[in-house]
Amino acid sequence: MTGTDREKDRQTDRQTDRRLERAILELLERRAPTATICPSDAARAVYEGDGDGWRALMEPARRAARRLVAAGQVEITQGGRRVDPAKARGPIRIRRVR
């Protein structure tokens, strides 16, 4: 892989990251103020193919949620309670900051 190819891959990754962040915020905006979404909702919204290829976007969607937590825009929850994103293991939900 050439340097140009690696830069194109990084640029594509950054675009996907931004699309996932926007998808999270847009999905939450369309729901009740106390509602939550799953990272898979954002992954499915961004994935442009057929089938279950959206699954490859799950970890990028979780990372997007963590960036939005750091920006003060959302919270990550487990069992209905806010959790530290760095310590969250297993299924998570995302909600607007209360």
C-alpha atoms as a PDB file:
ATOM      1  CA  MET A   1       0.000   0.000   0.000  1.00  0.00           C
ATOM      2  CA  THR A   2       1.401   3.367  -0.949  1.00  0.00           C
ATOM      3  CA  GLY A   3       1.430   6.491   1.173  1.00  0.00           C
ATOM      4  CA  THR A   4      -1.311   7.923  -1.033  1.00  0.00           C
ATOM      5  CA  ASP A   5      -3.481   4.853  -0.453  1.00  0.00           C
ATOM      6  CA  ARG A   6      -2.992   5.072   3.314  1.00  0.00           C
ATOM      7  CA  GLU A   7      -3.944   8.757   3.272  1.00  0.00           C
ATOM      8  CA  LYS A   8      -7.102   7.961   1.278  1.00  0.00           C
ATOM      9  CA  ASP A   9      -7.996   5.258   3.821  1.00  0.00           C
ATOM     10  CA  ARG A  10      -7.470   7.693   6.714  1.00  0.00           C
ATOM     11  CA  GLN A  11      -9.590  10.309   4.954  1.00  0.00           C
ATOM     12  CA  THR A  12     -12.357   7.750   4.382  1.00  0.00           C
ATOM     13  CA  ASP A  13     -12.154   6.692   8.048  1.00  0.00           C
ATOM     14  CA  ARG A  14     -12.464  10.330   9.171  1.00  0.00           C
ATOM     15  CA  GLN A  15     -15.488  10.817   6.931  1.00  0.00           C
ATOM     16  CA  THR A  16     -17.107   7.688   8.354  1.00  0.00           C
ATOM     17  CA  ASP A  17     -16.343   8.883  11.888  1.00  0.00           C
ATOM     18  CA  ARG A  18     -18.071  12.217  11.227  1.00  0.00           C
ATOM     19  CA  ARG A  19     -21.042  10.497   9.579  1.00  0.00           C
ATOM     20  CA  LEU A  20     -21.440   8.255  12.626  1.00  0.00           C
ATOM     21  CA  GLU A  21     -21.313  11.240  14.990  1.00  0.00           C
ATOM     22  CA  ARG A  22     -23.961  13.050  12.915  1.00  0.00           C
ATOM     23  CA  ALA A  23     -26.115   9.912  12.776  1.00  0.00           C
ATOM     24  CA  ILE A  24     -26.019   9.548  16.575  1.00  0.00           C
ATOM     25  CA  LEU A  25     -27.051  13.161  17.098  1.00  0.00           C
ATOM     26  CA  GLU A  26     -29.744  13.050  14.405  1.00  0.00           C
ATOM     27  CA  LEU A  27     -31.229   9.796  15.713  1.00  0.00           C
ATOM     28  CA  LEU A  28     -31.386  11.204  19.243  1.00  0.00           C
ATOM     29  CA  GLU A  29     -32.932  14.441  17.975  1.00  0.00           C
ATOM     30  CA  ARG A  30     -35.820  12.447  16.472  1.00  0.00           C
ATOM     31  CA  ARG A  31     -36.560  10.703  19.760  1.00  0.00           C
ATOM     32  CA  ALA A  32     -37.969  11.781  23.086  1.00  0.00           C
ATOM     33  CA  PRO A  33     -35.529  13.741  25.289  1.00  0.00           C
ATOM     34  CA  THR A  34     -35.044  10.760  27.614  1.00  0.00           C
ATOM     35  CA  ALA A  35     -34.781   8.125  24.855  1.00  0.00           C
ATOM     36  CA  THR A  36     -31.648   6.159  24.103  1.00  0.00           C
ATOM     37  CA  ILE A  37     -30.216   4.574  20.992  1.00  0.00           C
ATOM     38  CA  CYS A  38     -27.888   1.665  20.418  1.00  0.00           C
ATOM     39  CA  PRO A  39     -24.622   2.186  18.544  1.00  0.00           C
ATOM     40  CA  SER A  40     -26.018  -0.298  16.008  1.00  0.00           C
ATOM     41  CA  ASP A  41     -28.717   2.243  15.112  1.00  0.00           C
ATOM     42  CA  ALA A  42     -26.007   4.662  13.977  1.00  0.00           C
ATOM     43  CA  ALA A  43     -24.027   1.904  12.249  1.00  0.00           C
ATOM     44  CA  ARG A  44     -27.115   0.854  10.280  1.00  0.00           C
ATOM     45  CA  ALA A  45     -27.933   4.459   9.384  1.00  0.00           C
ATOM     46  CA  VAL A  46     -24.442   5.031   7.960  1.00  0.00           C
ATOM     47  CA  TYR A  47     -23.939   1.668   6.235  1.00  0.00           C
ATOM     48  CA  GLU A  48     -24.756   1.932   2.550  1.00  0.00           C
ATOM     49  CA  GLY A  49     -24.747  -1.734   1.559  1.00  0.00           C
ATOM     50  CA  ASP A  50     -27.064  -4.668   1.928  1.00  0.00           C
ATOM     51  CA  GLY A  51     -26.878  -7.387   4.501  1.00  0.00           C
ATOM     52  CA  ASP A  52     -25.125  -7.186   7.821  1.00  0.00           C
ATOM     53  CA  GLY A  53     -22.044  -5.220   6.703  1.00  0.00           C
ATOM     54  CA  TRP A  54     -23.087  -2.549   9.208  1.00  0.00           C
ATOM     55  CA  ARG A  55     -21.594  -4.778  11.915  1.00  0.00           C
ATOM     56  CA  ALA A  56     -18.108  -3.650  10.829  1.00  0.00           C
ATOM     57  CA  LEU A  57     -19.158  -0.138  11.909  1.00  0.00           C
ATOM     58  CA  MET A  58     -20.044  -1.132  15.481  1.00  0.00           C
ATOM     59  CA  GLU A  59     -16.699  -0.295  17.081  1.00  0.00           C
ATOM     60  CA  PRO A  60     -16.376   2.938  15.040  1.00  0.00           C
ATOM     61  CA  ALA A  61     -19.909   3.830  16.252  1.00  0.00           C
ATOM     62  CA  ARG A  62     -18.890   3.199  19.866  1.00  0.00           C
ATOM     63  CA  ARG A  63     -15.798   5.373  19.352  1.00  0.00           C
ATOM     64  CA  ALA A  64     -17.996   8.103  17.833  1.00  0.00           C
ATOM     65  CA  ALA A  65     -20.201   7.958  20.937  1.00  0.00           C
ATOM     66  CA  ARG A  66     -17.139   8.284  23.174  1.00  0.00           C
ATOM     67  CA  ARG A  67     -15.999  11.363  21.232  1.00  0.00           C
ATOM     68  CA  LEU A  68     -19.464  12.887  21.662  1.00  0.00           C
ATOM     69  CA  VAL A  69     -19.283  12.140  25.401  1.00  0.00           C
ATOM     70  CA  ALA A  70     -15.940  13.976  25.541  1.00  0.00           C
ATOM     71  CA  ALA A  71     -17.583  16.901  23.708  1.00  0.00           C
ATOM     72  CA  GLY A  72     -20.380  16.982  26.315  1.00  0.00           C
ATOM     73  CA  GLN A  73     -23.121  16.135  23.802  1.00  0.00           C
ATOM     74  CA  VAL A  74     -24.209  12.645  24.871  1.00  0.00           C
ATOM     75  CA  GLU A  75     -23.941  10.142  27.700  1.00  0.00           C
ATOM     76  CA  ILE A  76     -23.246   6.434  27.526  1.00  0.00           C
ATOM     77  CA  THR A  77     -25.426   4.266  29.725  1.00  0.00           C
ATOM     78  CA  GLN A  78     -25.677   0.680  30.879  1.00  0.00           C
ATOM     79  CA  GLY A  79     -28.665  -0.528  32.801  1.00  0.00           C
ATOM     80  CA  GLY A  80     -30.158   2.969  32.564  1.00  0.00           C
ATOM     81  CA  ARG A  81     -27.263   4.559  34.457  1.00  0.00           C
ATOM     82  CA  ARG A  82     -24.547   6.780  33.053  1.00  0.00           C
ATOM     83  CA  VAL A  83     -21.170   5.039  32.867  1.00  0.00           C
ATOM     84  CA  ASP A  84     -17.624   6.097  32.203  1.00  0.00           C
ATOM     85  CA  PRO A  85     -17.059   5.289  28.507  1.00  0.00           C
ATOM     86  CA  ALA A  86     -13.545   4.032  29.238  1.00  0.00           C
ATOM     87  CA  LYS A  87     -14.936   1.457  31.672  1.00  0.00           C
ATOM     88  CA  ALA A  88     -18.034   0.362  29.754  1.00  0.00           C
ATOM     89  CA  ARG A  89     -17.918  -3.281  28.699  1.00  0.00           C
ATOM     90  CA  GLY A  90     -20.641  -5.045  26.788  1.00  0.00           C
ATOM     91  CA  PRO A  91     -23.831  -3.509  25.406  1.00  0.00           C
ATOM     92  CA  ILE A  92     -24.219   0.246  25.782  1.00  0.00           C
ATOM     93  CA  ARG A  93     -26.900   2.809  25.052  1.00  0.00           C
ATOM     94  CA  ILE A  94     -26.464   6.448  24.082  1.00  0.00           C
ATOM     95  CA  ARG A  95     -28.650   9.330  25.240  1.00  0.00           C
ATOM     96  CA  ARG A  96     -28.597  13.095  25.253  1.00  0.00           C
ATOM     97  CA  VAL A  97     -26.921  14.794  28.163  1.00  0.00           C
ATOM     98  CA  ARG A  98     -29.433  15.459  30.915  1.00  0.00           C
END
